[in-house]
Amino acid sequence: MSEVDRPGGEGPERHGDGESPRLHVYRGGRTRATRARPATPRDVARRLSALERRVERALGGAGGGRDVGSDRLRQTTDQALAALANVRRLTLHDLRSLAEGCAALLEGLEHDLIPVVLDVLYRYWWRVDAFGLERVPGRGPVLLVVNRGGALVPYETLMMRIALAREHRQARPLLDDWLVRLPLVGPALLRAGAERGGTATMRRLLAHGDALIVCPESGQPKIFRQRYRLASFGRGVFARLAIETGTPIVPVAVIGAEEIHPVLARLDLAGRLLGLPTLPITPTFPWLGLGGLLPLPTKWLVMVGEPLDVAQRHPPAAAADPAVVARLRDQVRERLQALVLEGLRRRRSVFRG
């Protein structure tokens, strides 16, 4: 049987691009393939033209990508080398000037930002209500004795400074030595108007007629269960200086500050390794990381008591008598404790006014 069509009615089979069909001859049930006829010169020319076009397209696309990538790499390298050359041309004077300029910029921003942050804390975060500010002498030296809470940062003294500034009286909080040495925190508090504590500093400021805010409670931050119970006033340095200089003493009770960082426990050894008197453990720190250092938005009440006229009661020579100094120290502590209890009775809620 001889047939040009494949079984099943399909058309002639073609092999390759432009190849002639191969004929299958069926004889006696055996299949024999016949060889295709040789390609004509026209077919060869057409196939070569098609192959040349493919090679040109391939080389053209690859070459264009390599050129673009090479240009970008060359441009980036030139820029890096130019920047390096500019850095190498900088002198030590240029680097010092650049560093001083950055430091001055940061100091200026910090100087402008600190009063804004403290004012926001006073007005909106703790919503401080102050009573009896008119009892603070409008001029001359004065010692304001304030109770302390469990926070390491003396927020009480900073808020008292703002309250007095609203009454056109500037006051300077006194800081412990360890607090002044803390990076960032110490310089920020000094820029906020605080002063490093110490007998010589207090005597100098009182001689200039300044108002000083002191927290004479000795020891570490109080645990939450001891809140609003005044600790010991130590040796009573403030009382001795008040007698020596004839400075009046005004007790000030701050209610609400002892709940901003409820201290559950203290890690004294860990605190000393960090340059702190202790490391307080609170419901938020260290569990929430740095976010745990954010004080709680409690409601604050500031109550100013009646001033003690030290000059009328004690002559300056009595500052050398430890018994007289101790009696004045204890008297101030008793007055402040009574004022704290009165403030607690007036307070309606920890977080609401």
Protein backbone atom coordinates (compact mmCIF):
# COMPACT_ATOMS: atom_id res chain seq x y z
CA MET A 1 0.00 0.00 0.00
CA SER A 2 1.34 3.40 -1.01
CA GLU A 3 0.01 6.56 0.64
CA VAL A 4 1.31 10.10 0.94
CA ASP A 5 -0.87 10.91 3.91
CA ARG A 6 -0.18 9.63 7.39
CA PRO A 7 -2.63 7.21 8.95
CA GLY A 8 -5.57 8.89 10.63
CA GLY A 9 -6.04 11.40 7.84
CA GLU A 10 -3.28 13.78 9.01
CA GLY A 11 -1.33 15.88 6.53
CA PRO A 12 2.23 15.25 5.44
CA GLU A 13 4.81 15.27 8.26
CA ARG A 14 7.40 18.07 8.21
CA HIS A 15 10.74 18.13 10.00
CA GLY A 16 12.69 21.26 10.81
CA ASP A 17 12.07 24.74 9.52
CA GLY A 18 11.47 24.65 5.78
CA GLU A 19 12.38 20.97 5.34
CA SER A 20 10.59 18.94 2.66
CA PRO A 21 8.08 16.36 3.83
CA ARG A 22 9.28 12.81 4.30
CA LEU A 23 7.10 10.24 2.56
CA HIS A 24 6.27 6.98 4.26
CA VAL A 25 5.63 3.98 2.03
CA TYR A 26 3.64 1.14 3.49
CA ARG A 27 4.32 -2.20 1.90
CA GLY A 28 3.41 -5.45 3.49
CA GLY A 29 2.80 -3.77 6.87
CA ARG A 30 6.41 -2.42 7.08
CA THR A 31 7.23 1.24 7.03
CA ARG A 32 10.18 2.71 5.13
CA ALA A 33 11.09 6.38 5.24
CA THR A 34 12.29 8.07 2.13
CA ARG A 35 15.03 10.69 2.22
CA ALA A 36 14.04 14.35 1.68
CA ARG A 37 15.22 16.16 -1.35
CA PRO A 38 18.30 18.42 -0.97
CA ALA A 39 17.64 22.07 0.00
CA THR A 40 17.74 24.62 -2.75
CA PRO A 41 20.09 27.64 -2.70
CA ARG A 42 17.08 29.84 -1.97
CA ASP A 43 16.23 27.80 1.12
CA VAL A 44 19.80 28.00 2.37
CA ALA A 45 19.92 31.78 1.90
CA ARG A 46 16.61 32.25 3.71
CA ARG A 47 17.76 30.12 6.65
CA LEU A 48 21.06 32.00 6.92
CA SER A 49 19.27 35.35 6.89
CA ALA A 50 16.95 34.24 9.68
CA LEU A 51 19.89 32.97 11.77
CA GLU A 52 21.79 36.23 11.26
CA ARG A 53 18.83 38.29 12.42
CA ARG A 54 18.54 36.17 15.58
CA VAL A 55 22.23 36.58 16.39
CA GLU A 56 22.02 40.38 15.89
CA ARG A 57 19.00 40.67 18.17
CA ALA A 58 20.66 38.56 20.87
CA LEU A 59 23.95 40.44 20.74
CA GLY A 60 22.22 43.80 20.64
CA GLY A 61 20.08 43.11 23.80
CA ALA A 62 22.92 41.66 25.85
CA GLY A 63 25.33 44.37 24.82
CA GLY A 64 22.86 47.15 25.77
CA GLY A 65 22.31 45.70 29.27
CA ARG A 66 26.04 45.37 29.85
CA ASP A 67 26.60 49.00 28.76
CA VAL A 68 23.93 50.36 31.13
CA GLY A 69 25.22 48.31 34.06
CA SER A 70 28.80 49.34 33.37
CA ASP A 71 27.84 53.02 33.23
CA ARG A 72 26.00 52.82 36.55
CA LEU A 73 28.87 51.00 38.24
CA ARG A 74 31.38 53.48 36.85
CA GLN A 75 29.25 56.44 38.03
CA THR A 76 28.83 55.03 41.54
CA THR A 77 32.56 54.33 41.82
CA ASP A 78 33.42 57.87 40.73
CA GLN A 79 31.06 59.37 43.31
CA ALA A 80 32.47 57.19 46.11
CA LEU A 81 36.04 58.13 45.22
CA ALA A 82 35.13 61.82 45.06
CA ALA A 83 33.50 61.67 48.51
CA LEU A 84 36.51 59.88 49.94
CA ALA A 85 38.82 62.51 48.48
CA ASN A 86 36.74 65.29 50.07
CA VAL A 87 36.88 63.58 53.48
CA ARG A 88 40.64 63.16 53.25
CA ARG A 89 41.02 66.86 52.53
CA LEU A 90 39.27 67.75 55.83
CA THR A 91 41.62 69.01 58.51
CA LEU A 92 41.36 68.52 62.26
CA HIS A 93 40.16 72.09 62.57
CA ASP A 94 37.31 71.37 60.15
CA LEU A 95 36.29 68.27 62.05
CA ARG A 96 36.43 70.12 65.37
CA SER A 97 34.30 72.95 63.98
CA LEU A 98 31.77 70.47 62.64
CA ALA A 99 31.53 68.68 65.99
CA GLU A 100 31.17 71.96 67.89
CA GLY A 101 28.45 73.09 65.52
CA CYS A 102 26.48 69.86 66.02
CA ALA A 103 26.90 70.08 69.80
CA ALA A 104 25.72 73.70 69.83
CA LEU A 105 22.69 72.79 67.75
CA LEU A 106 21.74 69.92 70.06
CA GLU A 107 22.29 72.08 73.15
CA GLY A 108 20.07 74.79 71.72
CA LEU A 109 17.31 72.33 70.92
CA GLU A 110 17.57 70.81 74.39
CA HIS A 111 17.54 74.24 76.04
CA ASP A 112 14.33 75.16 74.20
CA LEU A 113 12.68 71.77 74.61
CA ILE A 114 13.12 71.18 78.35
CA PRO A 115 10.86 74.04 79.53
CA VAL A 116 8.16 72.93 77.08
CA VAL A 117 8.28 69.33 78.32
CA LEU A 118 8.13 70.40 81.98
CA ASP A 119 5.21 72.73 81.29
CA VAL A 120 3.33 69.92 79.53
CA LEU A 121 3.93 67.64 82.51
CA TYR A 122 2.72 70.33 84.90
CA ARG A 123 -0.43 71.37 83.02
CA TYR A 124 -1.62 68.29 81.16
CA TRP A 125 0.07 65.14 82.44
CA TRP A 126 -0.12 65.64 86.20
CA ARG A 127 -2.58 68.59 86.17
CA VAL A 128 -0.94 70.15 89.22
CA ASP A 129 -3.10 72.18 91.62
CA ALA A 130 -1.01 74.36 93.93
CA PHE A 131 -2.34 75.99 97.10
CA GLY A 132 -0.67 78.45 99.46
CA LEU A 133 1.99 79.75 97.09
CA GLU A 134 1.43 83.23 98.50
CA ARG A 135 3.03 82.02 101.73
CA VAL A 136 6.42 81.81 100.03
CA PRO A 137 8.33 85.10 100.58
CA GLY A 138 8.45 87.12 97.37
CA ARG A 139 12.09 88.07 97.82
CA GLY A 140 15.13 87.11 99.84
CA PRO A 141 16.52 83.67 100.64
CA VAL A 142 14.14 80.85 101.49
CA LEU A 143 14.38 77.08 101.90
CA LEU A 144 11.44 75.03 100.59
CA VAL A 145 11.43 71.53 102.11
CA VAL A 146 9.55 68.99 99.93
CA ASN A 147 8.70 65.34 100.51
CA ARG A 148 10.10 62.75 98.06
CA GLY A 149 8.54 59.74 96.36
CA GLY A 150 9.98 56.59 94.83
CA ALA A 151 11.17 58.06 91.52
CA LEU A 152 14.88 58.55 91.00
CA VAL A 153 14.31 61.82 89.13
CA PRO A 154 13.12 64.57 91.53
CA TYR A 155 9.96 65.49 89.62
CA GLU A 156 8.53 67.06 92.80
CA THR A 157 11.15 69.79 92.91
CA LEU A 158 10.84 70.50 89.17
CA MET A 159 7.06 70.92 89.41
CA MET A 160 7.48 73.15 92.47
CA ARG A 161 9.86 75.32 90.48
CA ILE A 162 7.24 75.76 87.74
CA ALA A 163 4.52 76.53 90.28
CA LEU A 164 6.64 79.30 91.83
CA ALA A 165 7.62 80.64 88.41
CA ARG A 166 3.93 81.21 87.74
CA GLU A 167 3.96 83.44 90.83
CA HIS A 168 7.02 85.30 89.49
CA ARG A 169 9.43 83.71 91.98
CA GLN A 170 12.39 81.72 90.72
CA ALA A 171 13.55 78.72 92.75
CA ARG A 172 16.41 76.29 92.27
CA PRO A 173 16.04 72.55 92.99
CA LEU A 174 19.11 70.92 94.55
CA LEU A 175 20.38 67.63 93.12
CA ASP A 176 22.37 64.77 94.61
CA ASP A 177 25.86 64.18 93.30
CA TRP A 178 25.03 60.82 91.69
CA LEU A 179 22.16 62.42 89.77
CA VAL A 180 24.37 65.19 88.39
CA ARG A 181 26.85 62.59 87.13
CA LEU A 182 24.25 60.67 85.12
CA PRO A 183 24.73 61.07 81.35
CA LEU A 184 22.04 63.13 79.61
CA VAL A 185 19.84 63.30 82.72
CA GLY A 186 22.24 65.34 84.86
CA PRO A 187 23.01 67.99 82.21
CA ALA A 188 19.34 68.22 81.29
CA LEU A 189 18.33 68.89 84.91
CA LEU A 190 21.05 71.52 85.27
CA ARG A 191 19.78 73.28 82.14
CA ALA A 192 16.29 73.14 83.66
CA GLY A 193 17.49 75.40 86.48
CA ALA A 194 18.61 72.85 89.09
CA GLU A 195 21.86 73.12 91.03
CA ARG A 196 24.27 70.60 92.41
CA GLY A 197 23.65 70.17 96.12
CA GLY A 198 26.23 70.69 98.82
CA THR A 199 26.86 72.94 101.79
CA ALA A 200 29.06 75.39 99.89
CA THR A 201 26.57 75.67 97.02
CA MET A 202 23.63 76.22 99.37
CA ARG A 203 25.48 78.86 101.35
CA ARG A 204 26.47 80.72 98.17
CA LEU A 205 22.95 80.66 96.69
CA LEU A 206 21.34 81.77 99.95
CA ALA A 207 23.81 84.64 100.18
CA HIS A 208 22.54 85.80 96.77
CA GLY A 209 18.95 85.72 98.03
CA ASP A 210 17.84 82.64 96.04
CA ALA A 211 14.98 80.30 96.86
CA LEU A 212 16.16 76.68 97.18
CA ILE A 213 14.04 73.52 96.92
CA VAL A 214 15.45 70.65 98.99
CA CYS A 215 14.36 67.07 99.68
CA PRO A 216 16.11 66.21 102.96
CA GLU A 217 14.81 62.64 103.22
CA SER A 218 17.92 60.49 103.37
CA GLY A 219 18.26 56.99 102.02
CA GLN A 220 16.96 55.34 98.87
CA PRO A 221 13.64 55.80 97.07
CA LYS A 222 10.75 54.62 99.19
CA ILE A 223 8.92 51.36 98.52
CA PHE A 224 5.26 51.81 97.60
CA ARG A 225 3.94 50.52 100.91
CA GLN A 226 5.93 53.29 102.67
CA ARG A 227 4.48 56.08 100.54
CA TYR A 228 3.74 59.42 102.22
CA ARG A 229 5.57 58.35 105.39
CA LEU A 230 8.56 60.66 105.69
CA ALA A 231 11.94 59.04 106.11
CA SER A 232 14.70 60.41 108.31
CA PHE A 233 16.02 63.90 107.51
CA GLY A 234 19.58 62.84 108.22
CA ARG A 235 21.90 65.32 109.86
CA GLY A 236 19.70 68.27 108.97
CA VAL A 237 22.19 70.28 106.93
CA PHE A 238 19.37 72.51 105.69
CA ALA A 239 18.40 73.33 109.29
CA ARG A 240 21.96 74.28 110.25
CA LEU A 241 22.31 76.54 107.20
CA ALA A 242 18.92 78.11 107.89
CA ILE A 243 20.03 79.03 111.43
CA GLU A 244 23.43 80.23 110.22
CA THR A 245 22.00 82.51 107.50
CA GLY A 246 18.67 83.37 109.13
CA THR A 247 16.73 81.85 106.21
CA PRO A 248 13.01 81.03 106.65
CA ILE A 249 11.91 77.44 106.04
CA VAL A 250 8.68 76.65 104.18
CA PRO A 251 7.32 73.05 104.23
CA VAL A 252 5.74 71.91 100.95
CA ALA A 253 3.67 68.73 100.63
CA VAL A 254 3.38 67.14 97.19
CA ILE A 255 0.56 64.60 96.84
CA GLY A 256 0.45 62.34 93.78
CA ALA A 257 4.17 62.12 93.10
CA GLU A 258 4.64 58.94 95.11
CA GLU A 259 2.39 56.94 92.74
CA ILE A 260 4.04 57.85 89.42
CA HIS A 261 6.59 55.01 89.86
CA PRO A 262 5.24 52.51 92.44
CA VAL A 263 8.40 50.81 93.71
CA LEU A 264 7.76 47.11 94.38
CA ALA A 265 11.38 46.16 95.16
CA ARG A 266 14.91 47.55 95.00
CA LEU A 267 18.06 46.00 93.56
CA ASP A 268 20.83 47.83 95.40
CA LEU A 269 23.79 45.97 93.89
CA ALA A 270 22.54 46.37 90.32
CA GLY A 271 21.91 50.05 90.98
CA ARG A 272 25.43 50.66 92.28
CA LEU A 273 26.89 48.98 89.20
CA LEU A 274 24.96 51.49 87.10
CA GLY A 275 25.99 54.47 89.22
CA LEU A 276 22.59 54.71 90.95
CA PRO A 277 21.75 54.42 94.66
CA THR A 278 19.44 51.53 93.73
CA LEU A 279 17.57 50.01 90.79
CA PRO A 280 13.84 50.25 91.52
CA ILE A 281 11.51 47.55 90.23
CA THR A 282 8.05 48.89 89.33
CA PRO A 283 4.96 47.40 87.63
CA THR A 284 6.26 48.80 84.31
CA PHE A 285 10.07 48.69 84.65
CA PRO A 286 12.02 46.74 83.47
CA TRP A 287 9.18 44.70 81.95
CA LEU A 288 8.32 47.36 79.34
CA GLY A 289 11.91 48.42 78.65
CA LEU A 290 12.51 52.14 78.34
CA GLY A 291 8.75 52.64 78.08
CA GLY A 292 8.53 51.55 81.71
CA LEU A 293 10.37 54.74 82.73
CA LEU A 294 7.38 56.86 81.69
CA PRO A 295 5.73 58.17 84.88
CA LEU A 296 2.04 57.49 85.41
CA PRO A 297 -0.39 60.41 84.85
CA THR A 298 -1.51 60.82 88.46
CA LYS A 299 -3.29 63.89 89.78
CA TRP A 300 -1.01 66.16 91.79
CA LEU A 301 -1.80 68.42 94.71
CA VAL A 302 0.81 70.86 96.07
CA MET A 303 0.20 72.39 99.49
CA VAL A 304 2.47 75.10 100.92
CA GLY A 305 2.59 75.41 104.69
CA GLU A 306 3.28 78.33 106.97
CA PRO A 307 6.94 79.48 106.92
CA LEU A 308 9.12 79.12 109.99
CA ASP A 309 10.86 82.36 110.91
CA VAL A 310 14.22 80.85 111.83
CA ALA A 311 15.98 84.19 112.34
CA GLN A 312 13.48 85.21 115.01
CA ARG A 313 13.82 81.92 116.91
CA HIS A 314 17.55 81.19 116.71
CA PRO A 315 20.62 83.43 116.56
CA PRO A 316 23.28 82.55 113.97
CA ALA A 317 25.62 81.25 116.67
CA ALA A 318 23.11 78.49 117.47
CA ALA A 319 24.10 76.76 114.20
CA ALA A 320 27.09 75.34 116.06
CA ASP A 321 24.83 73.59 118.60
CA PRO A 322 23.85 70.11 117.29
CA ALA A 323 20.89 69.92 119.71
CA VAL A 324 19.35 73.14 118.37
CA VAL A 325 19.86 71.98 114.79
CA ALA A 326 18.25 68.60 115.56
CA ARG A 327 15.20 70.25 117.20
CA LEU A 328 14.64 72.49 114.18
CA ARG A 329 15.10 69.54 111.80
CA ASP A 330 12.54 67.45 113.66
CA GLN A 331 10.11 70.36 113.88
CA VAL A 332 10.21 70.85 110.12
CA ARG A 333 9.72 67.11 109.59
CA GLU A 334 6.68 67.04 111.88
CA ARG A 335 5.11 70.01 110.13
CA LEU A 336 5.71 68.50 106.71
CA GLN A 337 4.26 65.13 107.75
CA ALA A 338 1.14 66.82 109.06
CA LEU A 339 0.82 68.78 105.82
CA VAL A 340 1.16 65.56 103.80
CA LEU A 341 -1.61 63.90 105.78
CA GLU A 342 -3.83 66.94 105.27
CA GLY A 343 -3.21 66.76 101.52
CA LEU A 344 -4.12 63.07 101.46
CA ARG A 345 -7.40 63.86 103.20
CA ARG A 346 -8.20 66.49 100.59
CA ARG A 347 -7.36 64.31 97.63
CA ARG A 348 -10.37 62.66 96.00
CA SER A 349 -8.65 60.26 93.61
CA VAL A 350 -5.16 59.19 92.54
CA PHE A 351 -5.81 59.91 88.86
CA ARG A 352 -8.66 62.42 88.94
CA GLY A 353 -9.06 65.82 90.51
